[in-house]
């Protein structure tokens, strides 16, 4: 991805059916509304983190796993992420209640935990997801029926916006520091 400006915030994401992309776009909008320069892009389009001083990275979660392109991104760019202000989110659980409780305490892919420790993000969170059977393939619909996954849009815009607002405040505070 090219065309980034100095001190820009990158909101990068991996999404299969668009729900996580919509969350990333909402985070980007909140950061823009706070006056921050922001680029929002799929991780597969991001090849260089040099222009960015902060990164918000998110991935859809399927069966307890991040999208492959998000896992690869974290592995490839771990050193660069560690040198920047970084926040990480996952999206996926579809049901009412605390999304971390719905994932049995899962907040980040276990195989990437050592990398996460090295990156030391400001925060790692899990947002509710959206499950629309019309967007699923045959095999995915079968899995949804088999595990009796709740259907619907369980994302909470207020929670997403509050998290993004906290990021904006921290970045503005950082930029105001002498």
N, C-alpha and C. Protein backbone atom coordinates (compact mmCIF):
# COMPACT_ATOMS: atom_id res chain seq x y z
N UNK A 1 0.84 -1.17 0.00
CA UNK A 1 0.00 0.00 0.00
C UNK A 1 0.88 1.24 0.00
N UNK A 2 0.58 2.18 -0.85
CA UNK A 2 1.37 3.39 -0.93
C UNK A 2 0.49 4.60 -0.68
N UNK A 3 1.11 5.75 -0.59
CA UNK A 3 0.37 6.98 -0.42
C UNK A 3 0.15 7.38 1.03
N UNK A 4 0.78 6.70 1.96
CA UNK A 4 0.62 7.04 3.37
C UNK A 4 1.36 8.34 3.67
N UNK A 5 0.85 9.08 4.63
CA UNK A 5 1.52 10.30 5.04
C UNK A 5 2.24 10.06 6.36
N UNK A 6 3.18 10.96 6.68
CA UNK A 6 3.92 10.83 7.93
C UNK A 6 2.96 10.87 9.11
N UNK A 7 3.25 10.11 10.12
CA UNK A 7 2.46 10.07 11.35
C UNK A 7 1.05 9.52 11.16
N UNK A 8 0.81 8.82 10.11
CA UNK A 8 -0.51 8.26 9.85
C UNK A 8 -0.74 7.03 10.72
N UNK A 9 -2.00 6.82 11.07
CA UNK A 9 -2.40 5.62 11.81
C UNK A 9 -2.91 4.62 10.79
N UNK A 10 -2.43 3.39 10.89
CA UNK A 10 -2.91 2.33 10.02
C UNK A 10 -3.92 1.48 10.78
N UNK A 11 -5.07 1.27 10.19
CA UNK A 11 -6.04 0.30 10.69
C UNK A 11 -6.07 -0.81 9.65
N UNK A 12 -5.44 -1.93 9.97
CA UNK A 12 -5.32 -3.05 9.04
C UNK A 12 -6.18 -4.20 9.55
N UNK A 13 -6.75 -4.96 8.63
CA UNK A 13 -7.68 -6.01 9.03
C UNK A 13 -7.66 -7.18 8.06
N UNK A 14 -8.14 -8.31 8.57
CA UNK A 14 -8.36 -9.50 7.76
C UNK A 14 -9.82 -9.91 7.98
N UNK A 15 -10.57 -9.94 6.90
CA UNK A 15 -12.01 -10.20 6.99
C UNK A 15 -12.40 -11.17 5.90
N UNK A 16 -13.27 -12.09 6.21
CA UNK A 16 -13.71 -13.05 5.20
C UNK A 16 -15.02 -12.63 4.54
N UNK A 17 -15.98 -12.21 5.35
CA UNK A 17 -17.30 -11.87 4.81
C UNK A 17 -17.66 -10.40 5.00
N UNK A 18 -16.71 -9.59 5.47
CA UNK A 18 -16.92 -8.15 5.53
C UNK A 18 -17.23 -7.56 6.90
N UNK A 19 -17.58 -8.37 7.87
CA UNK A 19 -17.92 -7.86 9.19
C UNK A 19 -16.72 -7.18 9.87
N UNK A 20 -15.58 -7.82 9.83
CA UNK A 20 -14.38 -7.25 10.45
C UNK A 20 -13.92 -6.02 9.67
N UNK A 21 -14.08 -6.02 8.37
CA UNK A 21 -13.76 -4.83 7.56
C UNK A 21 -14.63 -3.66 8.01
N UNK A 22 -15.90 -3.92 8.28
CA UNK A 22 -16.79 -2.85 8.73
C UNK A 22 -16.38 -2.33 10.11
N UNK A 23 -15.92 -3.21 10.98
CA UNK A 23 -15.41 -2.78 12.29
C UNK A 23 -14.18 -1.89 12.09
N UNK A 24 -13.27 -2.32 11.23
CA UNK A 24 -12.06 -1.54 10.96
C UNK A 24 -12.41 -0.17 10.40
N UNK A 25 -13.36 -0.11 9.49
CA UNK A 25 -13.79 1.17 8.92
C UNK A 25 -14.37 2.07 10.00
N UNK A 26 -15.13 1.50 10.94
CA UNK A 26 -15.72 2.29 12.02
C UNK A 26 -14.62 2.84 12.93
N UNK A 27 -13.62 2.01 13.24
CA UNK A 27 -12.49 2.48 14.05
C UNK A 27 -11.77 3.62 13.32
N UNK A 28 -11.54 3.43 12.03
CA UNK A 28 -10.89 4.47 11.24
C UNK A 28 -11.68 5.77 11.25
N UNK A 29 -13.00 5.68 11.15
CA UNK A 29 -13.85 6.88 11.16
C UNK A 29 -13.76 7.62 12.49
N UNK A 30 -13.74 6.88 13.59
CA UNK A 30 -13.63 7.51 14.91
C UNK A 30 -12.28 8.22 15.04
N UNK A 31 -11.22 7.58 14.57
CA UNK A 31 -9.89 8.20 14.64
C UNK A 31 -9.82 9.44 13.76
N UNK A 32 -10.41 9.38 12.57
CA UNK A 32 -10.47 10.55 11.68
C UNK A 32 -11.26 11.68 12.32
N UNK A 33 -12.40 11.35 12.93
CA UNK A 33 -13.22 12.36 13.59
C UNK A 33 -12.45 13.05 14.72
N UNK A 34 -11.46 12.36 15.27
CA UNK A 34 -10.63 12.93 16.33
C UNK A 34 -9.47 13.75 15.75
N UNK A 35 -9.43 13.86 14.43
CA UNK A 35 -8.41 14.67 13.78
C UNK A 35 -7.13 13.95 13.43
N UNK A 36 -7.12 12.63 13.51
CA UNK A 36 -5.92 11.86 13.20
C UNK A 36 -5.92 11.43 11.74
N UNK A 37 -4.76 11.47 11.08
CA UNK A 37 -4.67 10.95 9.71
C UNK A 37 -4.70 9.42 9.77
N UNK A 38 -5.58 8.80 8.99
CA UNK A 38 -5.81 7.36 9.09
C UNK A 38 -5.87 6.71 7.72
N UNK A 39 -5.27 5.54 7.61
CA UNK A 39 -5.43 4.67 6.44
C UNK A 39 -6.07 3.39 6.94
N UNK A 40 -7.09 2.91 6.24
CA UNK A 40 -7.75 1.64 6.57
C UNK A 40 -7.56 0.72 5.37
N UNK A 41 -7.02 -0.47 5.62
CA UNK A 41 -6.72 -1.37 4.50
C UNK A 41 -6.68 -2.82 4.95
N UNK A 42 -6.99 -3.74 4.02
CA UNK A 42 -6.79 -5.16 4.33
C UNK A 42 -5.30 -5.45 4.51
N UNK A 43 -4.96 -6.34 5.42
CA UNK A 43 -3.55 -6.65 5.69
C UNK A 43 -2.82 -7.11 4.43
N UNK A 44 -3.52 -7.76 3.53
CA UNK A 44 -2.86 -8.26 2.32
C UNK A 44 -2.37 -7.12 1.41
N UNK A 45 -2.87 -5.90 1.63
CA UNK A 45 -2.44 -4.75 0.83
C UNK A 45 -1.34 -3.94 1.50
N UNK A 46 -0.97 -4.30 2.73
CA UNK A 46 0.03 -3.54 3.48
C UNK A 46 1.36 -4.26 3.40
N UNK A 47 2.34 -3.60 2.79
CA UNK A 47 3.66 -4.22 2.65
C UNK A 47 4.73 -3.54 3.47
N UNK A 48 4.45 -2.32 3.94
CA UNK A 48 5.46 -1.54 4.65
C UNK A 48 4.80 -0.73 5.76
N UNK A 49 5.32 -0.82 6.95
CA UNK A 49 4.77 -0.06 8.07
C UNK A 49 5.55 1.23 8.35
N UNK A 50 6.59 1.50 7.58
CA UNK A 50 7.44 2.66 7.82
C UNK A 50 6.67 3.97 7.96
N UNK A 51 5.67 4.25 7.13
CA UNK A 51 4.99 5.55 7.24
C UNK A 51 4.09 5.69 8.46
N UNK A 52 3.83 4.63 9.17
CA UNK A 52 2.83 4.66 10.24
C UNK A 52 3.48 4.72 11.62
N UNK A 53 2.94 5.58 12.47
CA UNK A 53 3.44 5.66 13.85
C UNK A 53 2.60 4.82 14.79
N UNK A 54 1.43 4.41 14.32
CA UNK A 54 0.54 3.58 15.14
C UNK A 54 -0.21 2.61 14.24
N UNK A 55 -0.51 1.45 14.79
CA UNK A 55 -1.22 0.42 14.03
C UNK A 55 -2.33 -0.16 14.89
N UNK A 56 -3.51 -0.26 14.30
CA UNK A 56 -4.62 -0.99 14.89
C UNK A 56 -4.83 -2.17 13.97
N UNK A 57 -4.71 -3.37 14.50
CA UNK A 57 -4.76 -4.58 13.68
C UNK A 57 -5.90 -5.47 14.15
N UNK A 58 -6.71 -5.93 13.21
CA UNK A 58 -7.82 -6.80 13.57
C UNK A 58 -7.99 -7.95 12.62
N UNK A 59 -8.56 -9.02 13.15
CA UNK A 59 -8.84 -10.19 12.34
C UNK A 59 -10.16 -10.82 12.75
N UNK A 60 -10.83 -11.35 11.75
CA UNK A 60 -11.98 -12.20 12.02
C UNK A 60 -11.47 -13.50 12.64
N UNK A 61 -12.31 -14.10 13.46
CA UNK A 61 -11.96 -15.36 14.10
C UNK A 61 -12.94 -16.42 13.64
N UNK A 62 -12.41 -17.53 13.15
CA UNK A 62 -13.22 -18.67 12.74
C UNK A 62 -12.70 -19.90 13.44
N UNK A 63 -13.57 -20.53 14.20
CA UNK A 63 -13.22 -21.76 14.92
C UNK A 63 -11.95 -21.56 15.75
N UNK A 64 -11.88 -20.41 16.44
CA UNK A 64 -10.76 -20.14 17.34
C UNK A 64 -9.47 -19.73 16.66
N UNK A 65 -9.54 -19.40 15.38
CA UNK A 65 -8.32 -19.03 14.67
C UNK A 65 -8.49 -17.71 13.94
N UNK A 66 -7.39 -16.96 13.90
CA UNK A 66 -7.36 -15.75 13.09
C UNK A 66 -7.28 -16.13 11.62
N UNK A 67 -7.64 -15.22 10.76
CA UNK A 67 -7.45 -15.41 9.32
C UNK A 67 -5.95 -15.58 9.08
N UNK A 68 -5.61 -16.45 8.16
CA UNK A 68 -4.20 -16.76 7.87
C UNK A 68 -3.40 -15.51 7.52
N UNK A 69 -4.00 -14.60 6.73
CA UNK A 69 -3.26 -13.41 6.32
C UNK A 69 -2.96 -12.49 7.51
N UNK A 70 -3.81 -12.47 8.52
CA UNK A 70 -3.54 -11.66 9.71
C UNK A 70 -2.40 -12.28 10.54
N UNK A 71 -2.43 -13.59 10.70
CA UNK A 71 -1.35 -14.27 11.43
C UNK A 71 -0.01 -14.05 10.74
N UNK A 72 0.00 -14.16 9.43
CA UNK A 72 1.23 -13.92 8.66
C UNK A 72 1.72 -12.49 8.81
N UNK A 73 0.78 -11.55 8.80
CA UNK A 73 1.12 -10.14 8.95
C UNK A 73 1.81 -9.90 10.29
N UNK A 74 1.24 -10.43 11.37
CA UNK A 74 1.83 -10.26 12.71
C UNK A 74 3.23 -10.85 12.75
N UNK A 75 3.40 -12.02 12.18
CA UNK A 75 4.71 -12.68 12.18
C UNK A 75 5.73 -11.89 11.37
N UNK A 76 5.35 -11.47 10.16
CA UNK A 76 6.26 -10.73 9.28
C UNK A 76 6.64 -9.36 9.85
N UNK A 77 5.71 -8.69 10.48
CA UNK A 77 5.92 -7.31 10.91
C UNK A 77 6.07 -7.15 12.42
N UNK A 78 6.37 -8.23 13.13
CA UNK A 78 6.43 -8.17 14.60
C UNK A 78 7.39 -7.10 15.10
N UNK A 79 8.58 -7.00 14.53
CA UNK A 79 9.54 -6.01 14.99
C UNK A 79 9.03 -4.59 14.75
N UNK A 80 8.44 -4.35 13.59
CA UNK A 80 7.90 -3.03 13.29
C UNK A 80 6.71 -2.71 14.19
N UNK A 81 5.86 -3.69 14.45
CA UNK A 81 4.73 -3.47 15.35
C UNK A 81 5.21 -3.16 16.76
N UNK A 82 6.26 -3.83 17.19
CA UNK A 82 6.80 -3.60 18.53
C UNK A 82 7.37 -2.19 18.68
N UNK A 83 7.78 -1.58 17.58
CA UNK A 83 8.36 -0.24 17.60
C UNK A 83 7.30 0.85 17.45
N UNK A 84 6.03 0.46 17.37
CA UNK A 84 4.94 1.42 17.20
C UNK A 84 3.90 1.25 18.29
N UNK A 85 3.07 2.28 18.42
CA UNK A 85 1.90 2.14 19.26
C UNK A 85 0.96 1.19 18.53
N UNK A 86 0.63 0.08 19.17
CA UNK A 86 -0.16 -0.96 18.50
C UNK A 86 -1.33 -1.38 19.38
N UNK A 87 -2.46 -1.61 18.73
CA UNK A 87 -3.66 -2.14 19.36
C UNK A 87 -4.13 -3.30 18.49
N UNK A 88 -4.72 -4.31 19.13
CA UNK A 88 -5.14 -5.50 18.40
C UNK A 88 -6.57 -5.87 18.79
N UNK A 89 -7.36 -6.24 17.77
CA UNK A 89 -8.71 -6.72 18.05
C UNK A 89 -9.03 -7.95 17.22
N UNK A 90 -9.92 -8.74 17.76
CA UNK A 90 -10.48 -9.89 17.06
C UNK A 90 -11.98 -9.70 17.01
N UNK A 91 -12.61 -10.26 16.01
CA UNK A 91 -14.07 -10.22 15.96
C UNK A 91 -14.59 -11.60 15.61
N UNK A 92 -15.68 -11.97 16.25
CA UNK A 92 -16.18 -13.28 15.91
C UNK A 92 -17.33 -13.83 16.71
N UNK A 93 -17.27 -13.80 18.04
CA UNK A 93 -18.33 -14.50 18.77
C UNK A 93 -19.71 -13.90 18.47
N UNK A 94 -20.63 -14.79 18.19
CA UNK A 94 -22.00 -14.37 17.91
C UNK A 94 -22.91 -14.93 18.99
N UNK A 95 -23.27 -14.06 19.90
CA UNK A 95 -24.21 -14.39 20.96
C UNK A 95 -24.25 -13.19 21.89
N UNK A 96 -25.15 -13.20 22.82
CA UNK A 96 -25.22 -12.13 23.82
C UNK A 96 -24.19 -12.43 24.91
N UNK A 97 -23.72 -11.38 25.58
CA UNK A 97 -22.79 -11.55 26.68
C UNK A 97 -21.40 -11.07 26.34
N UNK A 98 -20.51 -11.21 27.30
CA UNK A 98 -19.13 -10.78 27.15
C UNK A 98 -18.45 -11.64 26.08
N UNK A 99 -17.88 -11.00 25.03
CA UNK A 99 -17.27 -11.79 23.95
C UNK A 99 -16.09 -12.64 24.42
N UNK A 100 -15.34 -12.17 25.41
CA UNK A 100 -14.20 -12.97 25.91
C UNK A 100 -14.72 -14.18 26.66
N UNK A 101 -15.79 -14.02 27.43
CA UNK A 101 -16.38 -15.18 28.10
C UNK A 101 -16.93 -16.17 27.08
N UNK A 102 -17.52 -15.65 25.99
CA UNK A 102 -18.06 -16.52 24.94
C UNK A 102 -16.97 -17.34 24.25
N UNK A 103 -15.73 -16.82 24.29
CA UNK A 103 -14.61 -17.54 23.68
C UNK A 103 -13.77 -18.26 24.74
N UNK A 104 -14.37 -18.47 25.91
CA UNK A 104 -13.69 -19.17 27.01
C UNK A 104 -12.36 -18.53 27.38
N UNK A 105 -12.33 -17.18 27.37
CA UNK A 105 -11.14 -16.46 27.77
C UNK A 105 -10.15 -16.20 26.66
N UNK A 106 -10.45 -16.67 25.47
CA UNK A 106 -9.56 -16.49 24.32
C UNK A 106 -9.58 -15.03 23.88
N UNK A 107 -8.41 -14.42 23.73
CA UNK A 107 -8.33 -13.06 23.20
C UNK A 107 -7.38 -12.95 22.02
N UNK A 108 -6.53 -13.94 21.84
CA UNK A 108 -5.51 -13.88 20.79
C UNK A 108 -5.08 -15.30 20.46
N UNK A 109 -4.72 -15.58 19.21
CA UNK A 109 -4.32 -16.95 18.83
C UNK A 109 -3.13 -17.45 19.65
N UNK A 110 -3.30 -18.60 20.25
CA UNK A 110 -2.26 -19.19 21.10
C UNK A 110 -0.91 -19.34 20.38
N UNK A 111 -0.87 -19.78 19.11
CA UNK A 111 0.43 -19.91 18.44
C UNK A 111 1.18 -18.58 18.28
N UNK A 112 0.47 -17.46 18.42
CA UNK A 112 1.11 -16.15 18.25
C UNK A 112 1.38 -15.43 19.57
N UNK A 113 1.16 -16.11 20.69
CA UNK A 113 1.29 -15.44 21.99
C UNK A 113 2.70 -14.91 22.26
N UNK A 114 3.74 -15.65 21.88
CA UNK A 114 5.12 -15.17 22.09
C UNK A 114 5.36 -13.91 21.26
N UNK A 115 4.83 -13.90 20.06
CA UNK A 115 4.96 -12.72 19.20
C UNK A 115 4.20 -11.55 19.80
N UNK A 116 3.03 -11.81 20.34
CA UNK A 116 2.23 -10.77 20.98
C UNK A 116 3.00 -10.16 22.16
N UNK A 117 3.65 -10.98 22.95
CA UNK A 117 4.43 -10.48 24.08
C UNK A 117 5.54 -9.56 23.59
N UNK A 118 6.15 -9.91 22.48
CA UNK A 118 7.23 -9.09 21.91
C UNK A 118 6.68 -7.75 21.40
N UNK A 119 5.50 -7.78 20.80
CA UNK A 119 4.88 -6.56 20.27
C UNK A 119 4.43 -5.65 21.41
N UNK A 120 3.94 -6.22 22.49
CA UNK A 120 3.46 -5.48 23.67
C UNK A 120 2.43 -4.41 23.29
N UNK A 121 1.30 -4.83 22.70
CA UNK A 121 0.28 -3.84 22.32
C UNK A 121 -0.31 -3.15 23.53
N UNK A 122 -0.83 -1.94 23.30
CA UNK A 122 -1.50 -1.19 24.37
C UNK A 122 -2.72 -1.96 24.87
N UNK A 123 -3.42 -2.61 23.94
CA UNK A 123 -4.63 -3.34 24.32
C UNK A 123 -4.92 -4.42 23.29
N UNK A 124 -5.52 -5.48 23.76
CA UNK A 124 -6.01 -6.56 22.91
C UNK A 124 -7.45 -6.79 23.32
N UNK A 125 -8.37 -6.75 22.36
CA UNK A 125 -9.78 -6.91 22.70
C UNK A 125 -10.47 -7.83 21.71
N UNK A 126 -11.66 -8.25 22.10
CA UNK A 126 -12.49 -9.10 21.24
C UNK A 126 -13.85 -8.42 21.11
N UNK A 127 -14.29 -8.25 19.88
CA UNK A 127 -15.61 -7.70 19.61
C UNK A 127 -16.55 -8.81 19.15
N UNK A 128 -17.82 -8.63 19.44
CA UNK A 128 -18.82 -9.54 18.89
C UNK A 128 -18.76 -9.47 17.37
N UNK A 129 -19.23 -10.52 16.73
CA UNK A 129 -19.22 -10.57 15.28
C UNK A 129 -20.61 -10.63 14.69
N UNK A 130 -20.64 -10.96 13.44
CA UNK A 130 -21.88 -11.04 12.67
C UNK A 130 -21.87 -12.35 11.91
N UNK A 131 -22.99 -13.03 11.92
CA UNK A 131 -23.11 -14.28 11.18
C UNK A 131 -24.35 -14.23 10.32
N UNK A 132 -24.14 -14.09 9.02
CA UNK A 132 -25.21 -14.01 8.03
C UNK A 132 -25.13 -15.26 7.15
N UNK A 133 -26.07 -16.19 7.30
CA UNK A 133 -25.99 -17.44 6.54
C UNK A 133 -26.01 -17.23 5.02
N UNK A 134 -26.56 -16.11 4.56
CA UNK A 134 -26.59 -15.84 3.13
C UNK A 134 -25.20 -15.57 2.56
N UNK A 135 -24.24 -15.23 3.41
CA UNK A 135 -22.87 -14.97 2.96
C UNK A 135 -21.97 -16.20 3.08
N UNK A 136 -22.50 -17.28 3.63
CA UNK A 136 -21.70 -18.46 3.89
C UNK A 136 -21.78 -19.47 2.76
N UNK A 137 -20.69 -20.22 2.62
CA UNK A 137 -20.67 -21.33 1.68
C UNK A 137 -21.38 -22.53 2.29
N UNK A 138 -21.56 -23.55 1.49
CA UNK A 138 -22.26 -24.76 1.91
C UNK A 138 -21.63 -25.38 3.17
N UNK A 139 -20.31 -25.54 3.16
CA UNK A 139 -19.62 -26.14 4.29
C UNK A 139 -19.77 -25.27 5.54
N UNK A 140 -19.64 -23.95 5.38
CA UNK A 140 -19.78 -23.05 6.52
C UNK A 140 -21.19 -23.11 7.11
N UNK A 141 -22.21 -23.18 6.25
CA UNK A 141 -23.58 -23.29 6.75
C UNK A 141 -23.77 -24.59 7.52
N UNK A 142 -23.16 -25.66 7.04
CA UNK A 142 -23.25 -26.94 7.73
C UNK A 142 -22.62 -26.84 9.12
N UNK A 143 -21.45 -26.19 9.22
CA UNK A 143 -20.79 -26.03 10.51
C UNK A 143 -21.67 -25.21 11.45
N UNK A 144 -22.23 -24.12 10.95
CA UNK A 144 -23.09 -23.26 11.76
C UNK A 144 -24.27 -24.05 12.32
N UNK A 145 -24.88 -24.88 11.47
CA UNK A 145 -26.01 -25.71 11.94
C UNK A 145 -25.54 -26.74 12.95
N UNK A 146 -24.38 -27.34 12.70
CA UNK A 146 -23.87 -28.39 13.56
C UNK A 146 -23.54 -27.86 14.96
N UNK A 147 -22.90 -26.72 15.03
CA UNK A 147 -22.52 -26.18 16.34
C UNK A 147 -23.60 -25.27 16.93
N UNK A 148 -24.68 -25.11 16.16
CA UNK A 148 -25.82 -24.28 16.60
C UNK A 148 -25.36 -22.86 16.95
N UNK A 149 -24.53 -22.29 16.06
CA UNK A 149 -24.04 -20.93 16.26
C UNK A 149 -25.18 -19.93 16.09
N UNK A 150 -25.28 -18.97 16.98
CA UNK A 150 -26.33 -17.96 16.87
C UNK A 150 -26.16 -17.13 15.59
N UNK A 151 -27.24 -16.92 14.90
CA UNK A 151 -27.26 -16.15 13.66
C UNK A 151 -27.64 -14.70 13.99
N UNK A 152 -26.99 -13.77 13.32
CA UNK A 152 -27.36 -12.36 13.47
C UNK A 152 -26.14 -11.48 13.58
N UNK A 153 -26.40 -10.19 13.75
CA UNK A 153 -25.35 -9.19 13.89
C UNK A 153 -25.27 -8.83 15.37
N UNK A 154 -24.23 -9.28 16.04
CA UNK A 154 -24.07 -9.07 17.48
C UNK A 154 -23.06 -7.96 17.78
N UNK A 155 -22.55 -7.31 16.73
CA UNK A 155 -21.59 -6.24 16.95
C UNK A 155 -22.25 -5.09 17.71
N UNK A 156 -21.48 -4.46 18.57
CA UNK A 156 -21.99 -3.35 19.37
C UNK A 156 -21.23 -2.08 18.96
N UNK A 157 -21.85 -1.24 18.12
CA UNK A 157 -21.15 -0.04 17.65
C UNK A 157 -20.63 0.85 18.79
N UNK A 158 -21.37 0.96 19.87
CA UNK A 158 -20.93 1.81 20.99
C UNK A 158 -19.64 1.29 21.61
N UNK A 159 -19.52 -0.02 21.74
CA UNK A 159 -18.30 -0.61 22.30
C UNK A 159 -17.12 -0.38 21.37
N UNK A 160 -17.33 -0.58 20.08
CA UNK A 160 -16.27 -0.37 19.09
C UNK A 160 -15.83 1.10 19.09
N UNK A 161 -16.79 2.00 19.10
CA UNK A 161 -16.48 3.43 19.08
C UNK A 161 -15.78 3.88 20.36
N UNK A 162 -16.17 3.34 21.50
CA UNK A 162 -15.52 3.69 22.77
C UNK A 162 -14.06 3.23 22.75
N UNK A 163 -13.81 2.03 22.24
CA UNK A 163 -12.45 1.51 22.17
C UNK A 163 -11.61 2.40 21.25
N UNK A 164 -12.17 2.74 20.10
CA UNK A 164 -11.46 3.60 19.14
C UNK A 164 -11.23 4.99 19.73
N UNK A 165 -12.18 5.50 20.50
CA UNK A 165 -12.02 6.81 21.14
C UNK A 165 -10.88 6.78 22.15
N UNK A 166 -10.74 5.68 22.88
CA UNK A 166 -9.62 5.54 23.81
C UNK A 166 -8.28 5.55 23.06
N UNK A 167 -8.24 4.89 21.92
CA UNK A 167 -7.03 4.91 21.10
C UNK A 167 -6.72 6.34 20.66
N UNK A 168 -7.73 7.03 20.17
CA UNK A 168 -7.54 8.42 19.72
C UNK A 168 -7.00 9.28 20.85
N UNK A 169 -7.55 9.13 22.04
CA UNK A 169 -7.11 9.94 23.19
C UNK A 169 -5.64 9.65 23.51
N UNK A 170 -5.26 8.37 23.49
CA UNK A 170 -3.86 8.02 23.79
C UNK A 170 -2.92 8.59 22.73
N UNK A 171 -3.33 8.53 21.47
CA UNK A 171 -2.48 9.05 20.40
C UNK A 171 -2.39 10.58 20.46
N UNK A 172 -3.47 11.24 20.78
CA UNK A 172 -3.44 12.70 20.91
C UNK A 172 -2.57 13.11 22.10
N UNK A 173 -2.65 12.36 23.18
CA UNK A 173 -1.81 12.63 24.35
C UNK A 173 -0.34 12.43 23.99
N UNK A 174 -0.06 11.37 23.27
CA UNK A 174 1.33 11.10 22.83
C UNK A 174 1.83 12.24 21.95
N UNK A 175 1.00 12.69 21.02
CA UNK A 175 1.42 13.73 20.08
C UNK A 175 1.56 15.09 20.76
N UNK A 176 0.85 15.30 21.87
CA UNK A 176 0.92 16.58 22.59
C UNK A 176 2.12 16.63 23.54
N UNK A 177 2.70 15.47 23.84
CA UNK A 177 3.83 15.42 24.78
C UNK A 177 5.04 16.11 24.16
N UNK A 178 5.82 16.82 25.00
CA UNK A 178 7.00 17.54 24.47
C UNK A 178 8.10 16.60 24.05
